């Protein structure tokens, strides 16, 4: 596996995404990853969430990516609940360590 790290200012982001078998998008800007860029059958993890003017949560990946992706995590309800669960787990772990001295 080759891991490529990109950011919102990466040049040629569309080309990089179009070659990826797995995409994890955590930019914090809605629709940064265009559906047309997603490789057919790719796994897309939409981690970023932003609340729009209408009050709804939106992800970093365009909804049209569903047509190409083999799997796309939903926003809301995809990665967010796992993030919250792990934050709580880590908080409990830290509290137990602190209590143990």
PDB file of N, CA and C in Angstrom:
ATOM      1  N   UNK A   1       0.845  -1.165   0.000  1.00  0.00           N
ATOM      2  CA  UNK A   1       0.000   0.000   0.000  1.00  0.00           C
ATOM      3  C   UNK A   1       0.894   1.234   0.000  1.00  0.00           C
ATOM      4  N   UNK A   2       0.510   2.208  -0.771  1.00  0.00           N
ATOM      5  CA  UNK A   2       1.170   3.507  -0.760  1.00  0.00           C
ATOM      6  C   UNK A   2       0.189   4.510  -0.183  1.00  0.00           C
ATOM      7  N   UNK A   3       0.609   5.246   0.823  1.00  0.00           N
ATOM      8  CA  UNK A   3      -0.241   6.245   1.464  1.00  0.00           C
ATOM      9  C   UNK A   3       0.181   7.616   0.957  1.00  0.00           C
ATOM     10  N   UNK A   4      -0.783   8.380   0.507  1.00  0.00           N
ATOM     11  CA  UNK A   4      -0.523   9.732   0.040  1.00  0.00           C
ATOM     12  C   UNK A   4      -1.322  10.685   0.902  1.00  0.00           C
ATOM     13  N   UNK A   5      -0.646  11.653   1.489  1.00  0.00           N
ATOM     14  CA  UNK A   5      -1.296  12.645   2.332  1.00  0.00           C
ATOM     15  C   UNK A   5      -1.459  13.931   1.527  1.00  0.00           C
ATOM     16  N   UNK A   6      -2.676  14.430   1.496  1.00  0.00           N
ATOM     17  CA  UNK A   6      -2.984  15.652   0.772  1.00  0.00           C
ATOM     18  C   UNK A   6      -3.672  16.631   1.710  1.00  0.00           C
ATOM     19  N   UNK A   7      -3.782  17.869   1.268  1.00  0.00           N
ATOM     20  CA  UNK A   7      -4.523  18.874   2.019  1.00  0.00           C
ATOM     21  C   UNK A   7      -5.338  19.707   1.033  1.00  0.00           C
ATOM     22  N   UNK A   8      -6.069  20.671   1.542  1.00  0.00           N
ATOM     23  CA  UNK A   8      -6.991  21.430   0.701  1.00  0.00           C
ATOM     24  C   UNK A   8      -6.295  22.220  -0.406  1.00  0.00           C
ATOM     25  N   UNK A   9      -5.020  22.459  -0.280  1.00  0.00           N
ATOM     26  CA  UNK A   9      -4.276  23.231  -1.295  1.00  0.00           C
ATOM     27  C   UNK A   9      -3.399  22.344  -2.193  1.00  0.00           C
ATOM     28  N   UNK A  10      -3.508  21.035  -2.056  1.00  0.00           N
ATOM     29  CA  UNK A  10      -2.711  20.128  -2.871  1.00  0.00           C
ATOM     30  C   UNK A  10      -3.053  20.303  -4.345  1.00  0.00           C
ATOM     31  N   UNK A  11      -2.033  20.504  -5.152  1.00  0.00           N
ATOM     32  CA  UNK A  11      -2.243  20.623  -6.599  1.00  0.00           C
ATOM     33  C   UNK A  11      -2.515  19.246  -7.178  1.00  0.00           C
ATOM     34  N   UNK A  12      -3.447  19.186  -8.114  1.00  0.00           N
ATOM     35  CA  UNK A  12      -3.771  17.919  -8.752  1.00  0.00           C
ATOM     36  C   UNK A  12      -4.533  16.972  -7.850  1.00  0.00           C
ATOM     37  N   UNK A  13      -5.254  17.524  -6.883  1.00  0.00           N
ATOM     38  CA  UNK A  13      -6.001  16.687  -5.936  1.00  0.00           C
ATOM     39  C   UNK A  13      -6.966  15.755  -6.666  1.00  0.00           C
ATOM     40  N   UNK A  14      -7.581  16.240  -7.715  1.00  0.00           N
ATOM     41  CA  UNK A  14      -8.512  15.416  -8.482  1.00  0.00           C
ATOM     42  C   UNK A  14      -7.840  14.173  -9.048  1.00  0.00           C
ATOM     43  N   UNK A  15      -6.624  14.322  -9.557  1.00  0.00           N
ATOM     44  CA  UNK A  15      -5.890  13.179 -10.112  1.00  0.00           C
ATOM     45  C   UNK A  15      -5.493  12.186  -9.028  1.00  0.00           C
ATOM     46  N   UNK A  16      -5.080  12.708  -7.887  1.00  0.00           N
ATOM     47  CA  UNK A  16      -4.675  11.840  -6.780  1.00  0.00           C
ATOM     48  C   UNK A  16      -5.867  11.033  -6.275  1.00  0.00           C
ATOM     49  N   UNK A  17      -6.995  11.718  -6.053  1.00  0.00           N
ATOM     50  CA  UNK A  17      -8.205  11.049  -5.564  1.00  0.00           C
ATOM     51  C   UNK A  17      -8.678  10.008  -6.574  1.00  0.00           C
ATOM     52  N   UNK A  18      -8.594  10.317  -7.859  1.00  0.00           N
ATOM     53  CA  UNK A  18      -9.103   9.405  -8.885  1.00  0.00           C
ATOM     54  C   UNK A  18      -8.315   8.106  -8.972  1.00  0.00           C
ATOM     55  N   UNK A  19      -7.120   8.068  -8.372  1.00  0.00           N
ATOM     56  CA  UNK A  19      -6.302   6.852  -8.378  1.00  0.00           C
ATOM     57  C   UNK A  19      -6.413   6.061  -7.080  1.00  0.00           C
ATOM     58  N   UNK A  20      -7.062   6.637  -6.077  1.00  0.00           N
ATOM     59  CA  UNK A  20      -7.080   6.036  -4.742  1.00  0.00           C
ATOM     60  C   UNK A  20      -8.135   4.946  -4.591  1.00  0.00           C
ATOM     61  N   UNK A  21      -7.742   3.856  -3.945  1.00  0.00           N
ATOM     62  CA  UNK A  21      -8.690   2.792  -3.609  1.00  0.00           C
ATOM     63  C   UNK A  21      -9.443   3.126  -2.329  1.00  0.00           C
ATOM     64  N   UNK A  22      -8.800   3.912  -1.449  1.00  0.00           N
ATOM     65  CA  UNK A  22      -9.405   4.357  -0.192  1.00  0.00           C
ATOM     66  C   UNK A  22      -9.148   5.858  -0.062  1.00  0.00           C
ATOM     67  N   UNK A  23     -10.200   6.604   0.236  1.00  0.00           N
ATOM     68  CA  UNK A  23     -10.081   8.048   0.434  1.00  0.00           C
ATOM     69  C   UNK A  23     -10.660   8.371   1.806  1.00  0.00           C
ATOM     70  N   UNK A  24      -9.889   9.064   2.625  1.00  0.00           N
ATOM     71  CA  UNK A  24     -10.378   9.563   3.909  1.00  0.00           C
ATOM     72  C   UNK A  24     -10.347  11.086   3.818  1.00  0.00           C
ATOM     73  N   UNK A  25     -11.513  11.688   3.797  1.00  0.00           N
ATOM     74  CA  UNK A  25     -11.621  13.140   3.644  1.00  0.00           C
ATOM     75  C   UNK A  25     -11.949  13.778   4.985  1.00  0.00           C
ATOM     76  N   UNK A  26     -11.052  14.640   5.448  1.00  0.00           N
ATOM     77  CA  UNK A  26     -11.242  15.326   6.728  1.00  0.00           C
ATOM     78  C   UNK A  26     -10.773  16.773   6.587  1.00  0.00           C
ATOM     79  N   UNK A  27     -11.389  17.482   5.675  1.00  0.00           N
ATOM     80  CA  UNK A  27     -10.983  18.849   5.366  1.00  0.00           C
ATOM     81  C   UNK A  27     -11.776  19.857   6.187  1.00  0.00           C
ATOM     82  N   UNK A  28     -13.050  19.573   6.393  1.00  0.00           N
ATOM     83  CA  UNK A  28     -13.902  20.516   7.106  1.00  0.00           C
ATOM     84  C   UNK A  28     -14.504  21.564   6.186  1.00  0.00           C
ATOM     85  N   UNK A  29     -14.562  21.241   4.897  1.00  0.00           N
ATOM     86  CA  UNK A  29     -15.166  22.129   3.916  1.00  0.00           C
ATOM     87  C   UNK A  29     -16.078  21.288   3.019  1.00  0.00           C
ATOM     88  N   UNK A  30     -17.367  21.593   3.016  1.00  0.00           N
ATOM     89  CA  UNK A  30     -18.316  20.776   2.252  1.00  0.00           C
ATOM     90  C   UNK A  30     -17.950  20.619   0.784  1.00  0.00           C
ATOM     91  N   UNK A  31     -18.168  19.416   0.276  1.00  0.00           N
ATOM     92  CA  UNK A  31     -18.019  19.092  -1.148  1.00  0.00           C
ATOM     93  C   UNK A  31     -16.621  19.333  -1.701  1.00  0.00           C
ATOM     94  N   UNK A  32     -15.592  19.253  -0.861  1.00  0.00           N
ATOM     95  CA  UNK A  32     -14.210  19.412  -1.329  1.00  0.00           C
ATOM     96  C   UNK A  32     -13.853  18.302  -2.305  1.00  0.00           C
ATOM     97  N   UNK A  33     -14.285  17.077  -1.992  1.00  0.00           N
ATOM     98  CA  UNK A  33     -14.018  15.930  -2.861  1.00  0.00           C
ATOM     99  C   UNK A  33     -15.211  15.759  -3.791  1.00  0.00           C
ATOM    100  N   UNK A  34     -14.979  15.946  -5.052  1.00  0.00           N
ATOM    101  CA  UNK A  34     -16.039  15.850  -6.056  1.00  0.00           C
ATOM    102  C   UNK A  34     -16.339  14.386  -6.380  1.00  0.00           C
ATOM    103  N   UNK A  35     -17.600  14.115  -6.623  1.00  0.00           N
ATOM    104  CA  UNK A  35     -17.995  12.750  -6.948  1.00  0.00           C
ATOM    105  C   UNK A  35     -17.307  12.213  -8.181  1.00  0.00           C
ATOM    106  N   UNK A  36     -17.103  13.060  -9.166  1.00  0.00           N
ATOM    107  CA  UNK A  36     -16.471  12.642 -10.420  1.00  0.00           C
ATOM    108  C   UNK A  36     -15.014  12.236 -10.236  1.00  0.00           C
ATOM    109  N   UNK A  37     -14.384  12.668  -9.136  1.00  0.00           N
ATOM    110  CA  UNK A  37     -12.989  12.319  -8.879  1.00  0.00           C
ATOM    111  C   UNK A  37     -12.838  10.912  -8.325  1.00  0.00           C
ATOM    112  N   UNK A  38     -13.886  10.380  -7.720  1.00  0.00           N
ATOM    113  CA  UNK A  38     -13.800   9.111  -6.992  1.00  0.00           C
ATOM    114  C   UNK A  38     -13.675   7.937  -7.964  1.00  0.00           C
ATOM    115  N   UNK A  39     -12.683   7.114  -7.712  1.00  0.00           N
ATOM    116  CA  UNK A  39     -12.452   5.912  -8.514  1.00  0.00           C
ATOM    117  C   UNK A  39     -13.611   4.945  -8.339  1.00  0.00           C
ATOM    118  N   UNK A  40     -14.030   4.313  -9.413  1.00  0.00           N
ATOM    119  CA  UNK A  40     -15.118   3.344  -9.354  1.00  0.00           C
ATOM    120  C   UNK A  40     -14.775   2.250  -8.345  1.00  0.00           C
ATOM    121  N   UNK A  41     -15.672   2.040  -7.349  1.00  0.00           N
ATOM    122  CA  UNK A  41     -15.498   0.992  -6.357  1.00  0.00           C
ATOM    123  C   UNK A  41     -14.663   1.384  -5.148  1.00  0.00           C
ATOM    124  N   UNK A  42     -14.151   2.607  -5.108  1.00  0.00           N
ATOM    125  CA  UNK A  42     -13.315   3.043  -3.989  1.00  0.00           C
ATOM    126  C   UNK A  42     -14.115   3.120  -2.693  1.00  0.00           C
ATOM    127  N   UNK A  43     -13.426   2.959  -1.579  1.00  0.00           N
ATOM    128  CA  UNK A  43     -14.015   3.146  -0.252  1.00  0.00           C
ATOM    129  C   UNK A  43     -13.741   4.589   0.146  1.00  0.00           C
ATOM    130  N   UNK A  44     -14.796   5.327   0.486  1.00  0.00           N
ATOM    131  CA  UNK A  44     -14.657   6.741   0.814  1.00  0.00           C
ATOM    132  C   UNK A  44     -15.156   6.977   2.233  1.00  0.00           C
ATOM    133  N   UNK A  45     -14.254   7.454   3.090  1.00  0.00           N
ATOM    134  CA  UNK A  45     -14.577   7.772   4.477  1.00  0.00           C
ATOM    135  C   UNK A  45     -14.713   9.284   4.583  1.00  0.00           C
ATOM    136  N   UNK A  46     -15.936   9.748   4.715  1.00  0.00           N
ATOM    137  CA  UNK A  46     -16.202  11.180   4.817  1.00  0.00           C
ATOM    138  C   UNK A  46     -16.198  11.550   6.285  1.00  0.00           C
ATOM    139  N   UNK A  47     -15.068  12.047   6.761  1.00  0.00           N
ATOM    140  CA  UNK A  47     -14.867  12.335   8.175  1.00  0.00           C
ATOM    141  C   UNK A  47     -15.297  13.755   8.520  1.00  0.00           C
ATOM    142  N   UNK A  48     -15.081  14.688   7.604  1.00  0.00           N
ATOM    143  CA  UNK A  48     -15.381  16.096   7.877  1.00  0.00           C
ATOM    144  C   UNK A  48     -16.861  16.388   7.919  1.00  0.00           C
ATOM    145  N   UNK A  49     -17.254  17.217   8.864  1.00  0.00           N
ATOM    146  CA  UNK A  49     -18.644  17.659   8.938  1.00  0.00           C
ATOM    147  C   UNK A  49     -18.681  19.159   9.167  1.00  0.00           C
ATOM    148  N   UNK A  50     -19.589  19.795   8.466  1.00  0.00           N
ATOM    149  CA  UNK A  50     -19.780  21.233   8.591  1.00  0.00           C
ATOM    150  C   UNK A  50     -21.276  21.492   8.630  1.00  0.00           C
ATOM    151  N   UNK A  51     -21.692  22.375   9.527  1.00  0.00           N
ATOM    152  CA  UNK A  51     -23.109  22.724   9.604  1.00  0.00           C
ATOM    153  C   UNK A  51     -23.379  23.852   8.613  1.00  0.00           C
ATOM    154  N   UNK A  52     -24.279  23.590   7.672  1.00  0.00           N
ATOM    155  CA  UNK A  52     -24.624  24.581   6.664  1.00  0.00           C
ATOM    156  C   UNK A  52     -25.543  25.659   7.223  1.00  0.00           C
ATOM    157  N   UNK A  53     -25.806  26.659   6.406  1.00  0.00           N
ATOM    158  CA  UNK A  53     -26.690  27.761   6.797  1.00  0.00           C
ATOM    159  C   UNK A  53     -28.086  27.259   7.131  1.00  0.00           C
ATOM    160  N   UNK A  54     -28.459  26.134   6.536  1.00  0.00           N
ATOM    161  CA  UNK A  54     -29.778  25.546   6.789  1.00  0.00           C
ATOM    162  C   UNK A  54     -29.805  24.718   8.074  1.00  0.00           C
ATOM    163  N   UNK A  55     -28.654  24.613   8.750  1.00  0.00           N
ATOM    164  CA  UNK A  55     -28.569  23.863  10.000  1.00  0.00           C
ATOM    165  C   UNK A  55     -28.249  22.393   9.824  1.00  0.00           C
ATOM    166  N   UNK A  56     -28.188  21.908   8.592  1.00  0.00           N
ATOM    167  CA  UNK A  56     -27.902  20.495   8.336  1.00  0.00           C
ATOM    168  C   UNK A  56     -26.403  20.254   8.252  1.00  0.00           C
ATOM    169  N   UNK A  57     -26.001  19.060   8.705  1.00  0.00           N
ATOM    170  CA  UNK A  57     -24.596  18.669   8.604  1.00  0.00           C
ATOM    171  C   UNK A  57     -24.289  18.229   7.183  1.00  0.00           C
ATOM    172  N   UNK A  58     -23.147  18.666   6.691  1.00  0.00           N
ATOM    173  CA  UNK A  58     -22.699  18.284   5.352  1.00  0.00           C
ATOM    174  C   UNK A  58     -21.288  17.747   5.453  1.00  0.00           C
ATOM    175  N   UNK A  59     -20.990  16.797   4.598  1.00  0.00           N
ATOM    176  CA  UNK A  59     -19.662  16.199   4.588  1.00  0.00           C
ATOM    177  C   UNK A  59     -18.725  16.862   3.607  1.00  0.00           C
ATOM    178  N   UNK A  60     -17.490  16.389   3.595  1.00  0.00           N
ATOM    179  CA  UNK A  60     -16.470  16.903   2.686  1.00  0.00           C
ATOM    180  C   UNK A  60     -16.579  16.313   1.285  1.00  0.00           C
ATOM    181  N   UNK A  61     -17.391  15.265   1.132  1.00  0.00           N
ATOM    182  CA  UNK A  61     -17.500  14.558  -0.138  1.00  0.00           C
ATOM    183  C   UNK A  61     -18.870  14.829  -0.748  1.00  0.00           C
ATOM    184  N   UNK A  62     -18.882  15.175  -2.022  1.00  0.00           N
ATOM    185  CA  UNK A  62     -20.148  15.403  -2.722  1.00  0.00           C
ATOM    186  C   UNK A  62     -21.026  14.160  -2.684  1.00  0.00           C
ATOM    187  N   UNK A  63     -22.307  14.363  -2.573  1.00  0.00           N
ATOM    188  CA  UNK A  63     -23.257  13.242  -2.539  1.00  0.00           C
ATOM    189  C   UNK A  63     -23.163  12.387  -3.801  1.00  0.00           C
ATOM    190  N   UNK A  64     -22.790  12.979  -4.918  1.00  0.00           N
ATOM    191  CA  UNK A  64     -22.700  12.229  -6.178  1.00  0.00           C
ATOM    192  C   UNK A  64     -21.623  11.145  -6.147  1.00  0.00           C
ATOM    193  N   UNK A  65     -20.751  11.180  -5.153  1.00  0.00           N
ATOM    194  CA  UNK A  65     -19.720  10.142  -5.026  1.00  0.00           C
ATOM    195  C   UNK A  65     -20.348   8.776  -4.780  1.00  0.00           C
ATOM    196  N   UNK A  66     -21.569   8.750  -4.254  1.00  0.00           N
ATOM    197  CA  UNK A  66     -22.262   7.474  -4.004  1.00  0.00           C
ATOM    198  C   UNK A  66     -22.402   6.648  -5.280  1.00  0.00           C
ATOM    199  N   UNK A  67     -22.510   7.326  -6.409  1.00  0.00           N
ATOM    200  CA  UNK A  67     -22.695   6.633  -7.694  1.00  0.00           C
ATOM    201  C   UNK A  67     -21.446   5.871  -8.109  1.00  0.00           C
ATOM    202  N   UNK A  68     -20.287   6.284  -7.628  1.00  0.00           N
ATOM    203  CA  UNK A  68     -19.030   5.669  -8.037  1.00  0.00           C
ATOM    204  C   UNK A  68     -18.382   4.833  -6.929  1.00  0.00           C
ATOM    205  N   UNK A  69     -18.538   5.267  -5.706  1.00  0.00           N
ATOM    206  CA  UNK A  69     -17.875   4.600  -4.581  1.00  0.00           C
ATOM    207  C   UNK A  69     -18.469   3.223  -4.321  1.00  0.00           C
ATOM    208  N   UNK A  70     -17.597   2.298  -3.917  1.00  0.00           N
ATOM    209  CA  UNK A  70     -18.077   0.994  -3.472  1.00  0.00           C
ATOM    210  C   UNK A  70     -18.740   1.128  -2.112  1.00  0.00           C
ATOM    211  N   UNK A  71     -18.233   2.070  -1.315  1.00  0.00           N
ATOM    212  CA  UNK A  71     -18.816   2.373  -0.009  1.00  0.00           C
ATOM    213  C   UNK A  71     -18.482   3.810   0.339  1.00  0.00           C
ATOM    214  N   UNK A  72     -19.450   4.528   0.859  1.00  0.00           N
ATOM    215  CA  UNK A  72     -19.272   5.908   1.302  1.00  0.00           C
ATOM    216  C   UNK A  72     -19.936   6.059   2.657  1.00  0.00           C
ATOM    217  N   UNK A  73     -19.176   6.484   3.665  1.00  0.00           N
ATOM    218  CA  UNK A  73     -19.755   6.674   4.992  1.00  0.00           C
ATOM    219  C   UNK A  73     -20.751   7.833   4.946  1.00  0.00           C
ATOM    220  N   UNK A  74     -21.870   7.687   5.622  1.00  0.00           N
ATOM    221  CA  UNK A  74     -22.873   8.753   5.610  1.00  0.00           C
ATOM    222  C   UNK A  74     -22.501   9.901   6.541  1.00  0.00           C
ATOM    223  N   UNK A  75     -23.013  11.077   6.220  1.00  0.00           N
ATOM    224  CA  UNK A  75     -22.902  12.250   7.090  1.00  0.00           C
ATOM    225  C   UNK A  75     -24.299  12.830   7.199  1.00  0.00           C
ATOM    226  N   UNK A  76     -24.837  12.913   8.414  1.00  0.00           N
ATOM    227  CA  UNK A  76     -24.275  12.457   9.685  1.00  0.00           C
ATOM    228  C   UNK A  76     -24.473  10.953   9.881  1.00  0.00           C
ATOM    229  N   UNK A  77     -23.887  10.437  10.933  1.00  0.00           N
ATOM    230  CA  UNK A  77     -24.110   9.056  11.333  1.00  0.00           C
ATOM    231  C   UNK A  77     -23.052   8.072  10.900  1.00  0.00           C
ATOM    232  N   UNK A  78     -22.029   8.500  10.212  1.00  0.00           N
ATOM    233  CA  UNK A  78     -20.990   7.589   9.764  1.00  0.00           C
ATOM    234  C   UNK A  78     -19.861   7.499  10.761  1.00  0.00           C
ATOM    235  N   UNK A  79     -18.857   8.302  10.568  1.00  0.00           N
ATOM    236  CA  UNK A  79     -17.666   8.277  11.400  1.00  0.00           C
ATOM    237  C   UNK A  79     -17.902   8.975  12.740  1.00  0.00           C
ATOM    238  N   UNK A  80     -18.784   9.955  12.776  1.00  0.00           N
ATOM    239  CA  UNK A  80     -19.032  10.745  13.978  1.00  0.00           C
ATOM    240  C   UNK A  80     -19.330   9.941  15.233  1.00  0.00           C
ATOM    241  N   UNK A  81     -20.274   8.996  15.187  1.00  0.00           N
ATOM    242  CA  UNK A  81     -20.562   8.209  16.389  1.00  0.00           C
ATOM    243  C   UNK A  81     -19.352   7.421  16.893  1.00  0.00           C
ATOM    244  N   UNK A  82     -18.518   6.933  15.985  1.00  0.00           N
ATOM    245  CA  UNK A  82     -17.312   6.204  16.400  1.00  0.00           C
ATOM    246  C   UNK A  82     -16.313   7.165  17.034  1.00  0.00           C
ATOM    247  N   UNK A  83     -16.212   8.357  16.493  1.00  0.00           N
ATOM    248  CA  UNK A  83     -15.319   9.364  17.074  1.00  0.00           C
ATOM    249  C   UNK A  83     -15.739   9.680  18.508  1.00  0.00           C
ATOM    250  N   UNK A  84     -17.017   9.883  18.701  1.00  0.00           N
ATOM    251  CA  UNK A  84     -17.538  10.179  20.037  1.00  0.00           C
ATOM    252  C   UNK A  84     -17.276   9.009  20.985  1.00  0.00           C
ATOM    253  N   UNK A  85     -17.533   7.795  20.514  1.00  0.00           N
ATOM    254  CA  UNK A  85     -17.304   6.610  21.345  1.00  0.00           C
ATOM    255  C   UNK A  85     -15.839   6.510  21.766  1.00  0.00           C
ATOM    256  N   UNK A  86     -14.925   6.765  20.832  1.00  0.00           N
ATOM    257  CA  UNK A  86     -13.499   6.662  21.160  1.00  0.00           C
ATOM    258  C   UNK A  86     -13.053   7.803  22.078  1.00  0.00           C
ATOM    259  N   UNK A  87     -13.624   8.981  21.927  1.00  0.00           N
ATOM    260  CA  UNK A  87     -13.311  10.076  22.854  1.00  0.00           C
ATOM    261  C   UNK A  87     -13.747   9.716  24.271  1.00  0.00           C
ATOM    262  N   UNK A  88     -14.938   9.143  24.394  1.00  0.00           N
ATOM    263  CA  UNK A  88     -15.418   8.715  25.707  1.00  0.00           C
ATOM    264  C   UNK A  88     -14.539   7.598  26.273  1.00  0.00           C
ATOM    265  N   UNK A  89     -14.172   6.649  25.444  1.00  0.00           N
ATOM    266  CA  UNK A  89     -13.297   5.555  25.865  1.00  0.00           C
ATOM    267  C   UNK A  89     -11.970   6.116  26.389  1.00  0.00           C
ATOM    268  N   UNK A  90     -11.372   7.020  25.633  1.00  0.00           N
ATOM    269  CA  UNK A  90     -10.095   7.606  26.046  1.00  0.00           C
ATOM    270  C   UNK A  90     -10.228   8.408  27.336  1.00  0.00           C
ATOM    271  N   UNK A  91     -11.351   9.089  27.509  1.00  0.00           N
ATOM    272  CA  UNK A  91     -11.592   9.850  28.739  1.00  0.00           C
ATOM    273  C   UNK A  91     -11.671   8.910  29.939  1.00  0.00           C
ATOM    274  N   UNK A  92     -12.382   7.800  29.787  1.00  0.00           N
ATOM    275  CA  UNK A  92     -12.485   6.818  30.867  1.00  0.00           C
ATOM    276  C   UNK A  92     -11.120   6.197  31.168  1.00  0.00           C
ATOM    277  N   UNK A  93     -10.375   5.881  30.139  1.00  0.00           N
ATOM    278  CA  UNK A  93      -9.041   5.296  30.310  1.00  0.00           C
ATOM    279  C   UNK A  93      -8.146   6.255  31.093  1.00  0.00           C
ATOM    280  N   UNK A  94      -8.174   7.522  30.737  1.00  0.00           N
ATOM    281  CA  UNK A  94      -7.379   8.525  31.434  1.00  0.00           C
ATOM    282  C   UNK A  94      -7.817   8.682  32.881  1.00  0.00           C
ATOM    283  N   UNK A  95      -9.125   8.684  33.128  1.00  0.00           N
ATOM    284  CA  UNK A  95      -9.634   8.805  34.500  1.00  0.00           C
ATOM    285  C   UNK A  95      -9.197   7.610  35.358  1.00  0.00           C
ATOM    286  N   UNK A  96      -9.244   6.400  34.771  1.00  0.00           N
ATOM    287  CA  UNK A  96      -8.819   5.211  35.498  1.00  0.00           C
ATOM    288  C   UNK A  96      -7.313   5.269  35.819  1.00  0.00           C
ATOM    289  N   UNK A  97      -6.516   5.704  34.861  1.00  0.00           N
ATOM    290  CA  UNK A  97      -5.075   5.819  35.089  1.00  0.00           C
ATOM    291  C   UNK A  97      -4.775   6.869  36.170  1.00  0.00           C
ATOM    292  N   UNK A  98      -5.496   7.967  36.107  1.00  0.00           N
ATOM    293  CA  UNK A  98      -5.302   9.029  37.085  1.00  0.00           C
ATOM    294  C   UNK A  98      -5.682   8.552  38.494  1.00  0.00           C
ATOM    295  N   UNK A  99      -6.787   7.821  38.591  1.00  0.00           N
ATOM    296  CA  UNK A  99      -7.252   7.310  39.877  1.00  0.00           C
ATOM    297  C   UNK A  99      -6.281   6.283  40.457  1.00  0.00           C
ATOM    298  N   UNK A 100      -5.651   5.513  39.580  1.00  0.00           N
ATOM    299  CA  UNK A 100      -4.714   4.470  40.022  1.00  0.00           C
ATOM    300  C   UNK A 100      -3.401   5.064  40.518  1.00  0.00           C
ATOM    301  N   UNK A 101      -3.170   6.332  40.165  1.00  0.00           N
ATOM    302  CA  UNK A 101      -1.985   7.026  40.668  1.00  0.00           C
ATOM    303  C   UNK A 101      -0.790   6.789  39.879  1.00  0.00           C
TER     304      UNK A 101
END
